[in-house]
């Protein structure tokens, strides 16, 4: 760690959320997740409790893009190539966002949209030709509460 240095740039919560609050009129909540862009180390995704996500640029010290909330956020992960990212939510759903487009994607429910527990963590590995998405949680409430084997 001889070459280790801390950067002096600071991301202020109110600067990162300024665009979000004008879009949604809601307080986005606490920061829930952070992840550096896989190929642009000057960019970081910042995820907020109520589901909003901001792509922050350390070079300009400004948000590059803001993504409106779908549902309370649990986690997210960049696609290995950095063109998209995937989010997991408190209702057992996940969504795939295009990093260069702020539109709302459709949510997907691996076990259907009824009575699911939260999807606690999601990872995106592999390639476009051989994608691999790994997640924990999102089991049906009825399955987990009766102590039977869950998928």
Protein backbone atom coordinates (compact mmCIF):
# COMPACT_ATOMS: atom_id res chain seq x y z
CA UNK A 1 0.00 0.00 0.00
CA UNK A 2 2.89 2.37 -0.53
CA UNK A 3 1.08 4.08 -3.43
CA UNK A 4 -2.31 4.33 -1.72
CA UNK A 5 -3.86 7.84 -1.68
CA UNK A 6 -7.33 9.05 -0.88
CA UNK A 7 -8.96 11.30 -3.44
CA UNK A 8 -10.14 14.59 -2.08
CA UNK A 9 -13.37 14.66 -4.08
CA UNK A 10 -16.53 14.40 -2.02
CA UNK A 11 -20.01 13.58 -3.32
CA UNK A 12 -22.46 15.66 -1.34
CA UNK A 13 -25.82 13.98 -0.89
CA UNK A 14 -27.77 17.14 -1.77
CA UNK A 15 -25.81 17.60 -5.04
CA UNK A 16 -26.30 13.99 -6.08
CA UNK A 17 -30.05 14.09 -5.37
CA UNK A 18 -30.92 17.57 -6.67
CA UNK A 19 -32.20 16.29 -10.03
CA UNK A 20 -34.05 13.41 -8.40
CA UNK A 21 -35.97 15.56 -5.99
CA UNK A 22 -37.18 17.84 -8.78
CA UNK A 23 -38.33 14.78 -10.80
CA UNK A 24 -40.04 12.78 -8.09
CA UNK A 25 -40.87 15.40 -5.43
CA UNK A 26 -39.85 12.80 -2.86
CA UNK A 27 -36.90 12.47 -0.52
CA UNK A 28 -34.88 9.57 -2.03
CA UNK A 29 -33.77 8.25 1.36
CA UNK A 30 -30.38 7.11 2.56
CA UNK A 31 -27.67 5.71 0.30
CA UNK A 32 -28.28 1.97 -0.05
CA UNK A 33 -25.59 0.89 -2.55
CA UNK A 34 -22.45 2.12 -4.33
CA UNK A 35 -20.54 0.57 -7.24
CA UNK A 36 -17.79 1.89 -9.50
CA UNK A 37 -18.27 1.66 -13.26
CA UNK A 38 -16.36 -1.41 -14.55
CA UNK A 39 -14.54 0.47 -17.32
CA UNK A 40 -14.77 4.15 -16.26
CA UNK A 41 -13.21 4.56 -12.79
CA UNK A 42 -14.32 8.21 -12.75
CA UNK A 43 -18.00 7.13 -12.58
CA UNK A 44 -19.95 5.55 -9.74
CA UNK A 45 -23.54 4.39 -9.33
CA UNK A 46 -25.20 5.66 -6.18
CA UNK A 47 -28.41 3.90 -5.18
CA UNK A 48 -30.88 5.37 -2.72
CA UNK A 49 -33.21 3.59 -0.32
CA UNK A 50 -36.44 4.54 -2.13
CA UNK A 51 -35.15 3.19 -5.45
CA UNK A 52 -33.62 6.16 -7.25
CA UNK A 53 -30.16 5.70 -8.79
CA UNK A 54 -27.63 8.34 -9.85
CA UNK A 55 -24.60 7.90 -12.10
CA UNK A 56 -22.04 10.33 -10.62
CA UNK A 57 -18.96 11.61 -12.47
CA UNK A 58 -15.94 12.34 -10.25
CA UNK A 59 -14.21 14.37 -12.99
CA UNK A 60 -17.04 16.90 -13.35
CA UNK A 61 -18.36 16.44 -9.77
CA UNK A 62 -21.88 16.26 -11.18
CA UNK A 63 -24.48 13.61 -11.90
CA UNK A 64 -24.24 12.18 -15.43
CA UNK A 65 -27.66 10.55 -15.32
CA UNK A 66 -30.53 10.03 -12.89
CA UNK A 67 -32.84 7.02 -12.89
CA UNK A 68 -36.31 7.25 -11.37
CA UNK A 69 -37.34 4.81 -8.66
CA UNK A 70 -39.36 1.69 -9.35
CA UNK A 71 -39.49 0.25 -5.84
CA UNK A 72 -37.36 0.36 -2.69
CA UNK A 73 -33.79 -0.61 -3.62
CA UNK A 74 -31.90 -3.55 -2.11
CA UNK A 75 -28.82 -3.75 -4.35
CA UNK A 76 -27.51 -3.30 -7.88
CA UNK A 77 -24.68 -4.45 -10.10
CA UNK A 78 -23.10 -3.26 -13.34
CA UNK A 79 -23.13 -5.47 -16.42
CA UNK A 80 -19.47 -6.50 -16.93
CA UNK A 81 -19.22 -4.19 -19.98
CA UNK A 82 -20.79 -1.21 -18.18
CA UNK A 83 -23.56 -0.53 -20.70
CA UNK A 84 -26.34 -1.60 -18.35
CA UNK A 85 -26.94 -2.23 -14.69
CA UNK A 86 -29.39 -4.43 -12.82
CA UNK A 87 -31.26 -3.52 -9.62
CA UNK A 88 -32.97 -5.71 -7.02
CA UNK A 89 -35.91 -4.55 -4.94
CA UNK A 90 -37.82 -5.08 -1.70
CA UNK A 91 -40.77 -6.69 -3.49
CA UNK A 92 -38.68 -9.55 -4.95
CA UNK A 93 -38.31 -7.92 -8.37
CA UNK A 94 -35.33 -6.88 -10.47
CA UNK A 95 -34.93 -4.45 -13.39
CA UNK A 96 -32.32 -3.84 -16.09
CA UNK A 97 -31.45 -0.22 -16.92
CA UNK A 98 -29.59 1.14 -19.94
CA UNK A 99 -26.81 3.31 -18.47
CA UNK A 100 -27.12 5.97 -21.17
CA UNK A 101 -30.94 6.23 -21.05
CA UNK A 102 -32.92 7.43 -18.04
CA UNK A 103 -36.22 5.70 -18.89
CA UNK A 104 -38.02 3.34 -16.53
CA UNK A 105 -37.51 -0.33 -17.36
CA UNK A 106 -40.05 -3.03 -16.64
CA UNK A 107 -39.65 -4.98 -13.44
CA UNK A 108 -39.28 -8.74 -13.60
CA UNK A 109 -40.37 -11.15 -10.89
CA UNK A 110 -38.56 -14.51 -10.97
CA UNK A 111 -41.29 -16.19 -8.90
CA UNK A 112 -44.26 -14.06 -9.99
CA UNK A 113 -45.46 -10.73 -8.55
CA UNK A 114 -47.35 -12.04 -5.53
CA UNK A 115 -46.13 -12.37 -1.96
CA UNK A 116 -42.39 -12.35 -2.52
CA UNK A 117 -39.69 -11.50 -0.03
CA UNK A 118 -37.05 -8.93 -0.87
CA UNK A 119 -34.28 -9.73 -3.33
CA UNK A 120 -31.38 -8.91 -1.03
CA UNK A 121 -28.44 -9.08 -3.43
CA UNK A 122 -28.00 -9.35 -7.19
CA UNK A 123 -24.87 -9.94 -9.29
CA UNK A 124 -24.43 -9.83 -13.06
CA UNK A 125 -21.57 -11.84 -14.53
CA UNK A 126 -20.75 -13.46 -17.84
CA UNK A 127 -21.06 -11.85 -21.27
CA UNK A 128 -23.77 -10.80 -23.70
CA UNK A 129 -23.68 -14.24 -25.32
CA UNK A 130 -23.57 -16.11 -21.99
CA UNK A 131 -25.13 -13.93 -19.24
CA UNK A 132 -25.31 -15.06 -15.64
CA UNK A 133 -27.49 -13.32 -13.03
CA UNK A 134 -27.20 -14.51 -9.43
CA UNK A 135 -29.49 -13.29 -6.66
CA UNK A 136 -30.43 -14.08 -3.09
CA UNK A 137 -33.88 -13.76 -1.60
CA UNK A 138 -37.08 -13.17 -3.58
CA UNK A 139 -38.58 -16.48 -2.44
CA UNK A 140 -42.30 -16.79 -2.16
CA UNK A 141 -43.45 -15.95 1.36
CA UNK A 142 -45.64 -19.07 1.55
CA UNK A 143 -42.68 -21.32 0.71
CA UNK A 144 -40.29 -19.79 3.22
CA UNK A 145 -42.78 -19.52 6.05
CA UNK A 146 -43.76 -23.19 5.91
CA UNK A 147 -40.12 -24.32 6.23
CA UNK A 148 -40.16 -26.34 3.01
CA UNK A 149 -37.32 -26.27 0.53
CA UNK A 150 -37.22 -23.03 -1.43
CA UNK A 151 -35.95 -22.66 -4.99
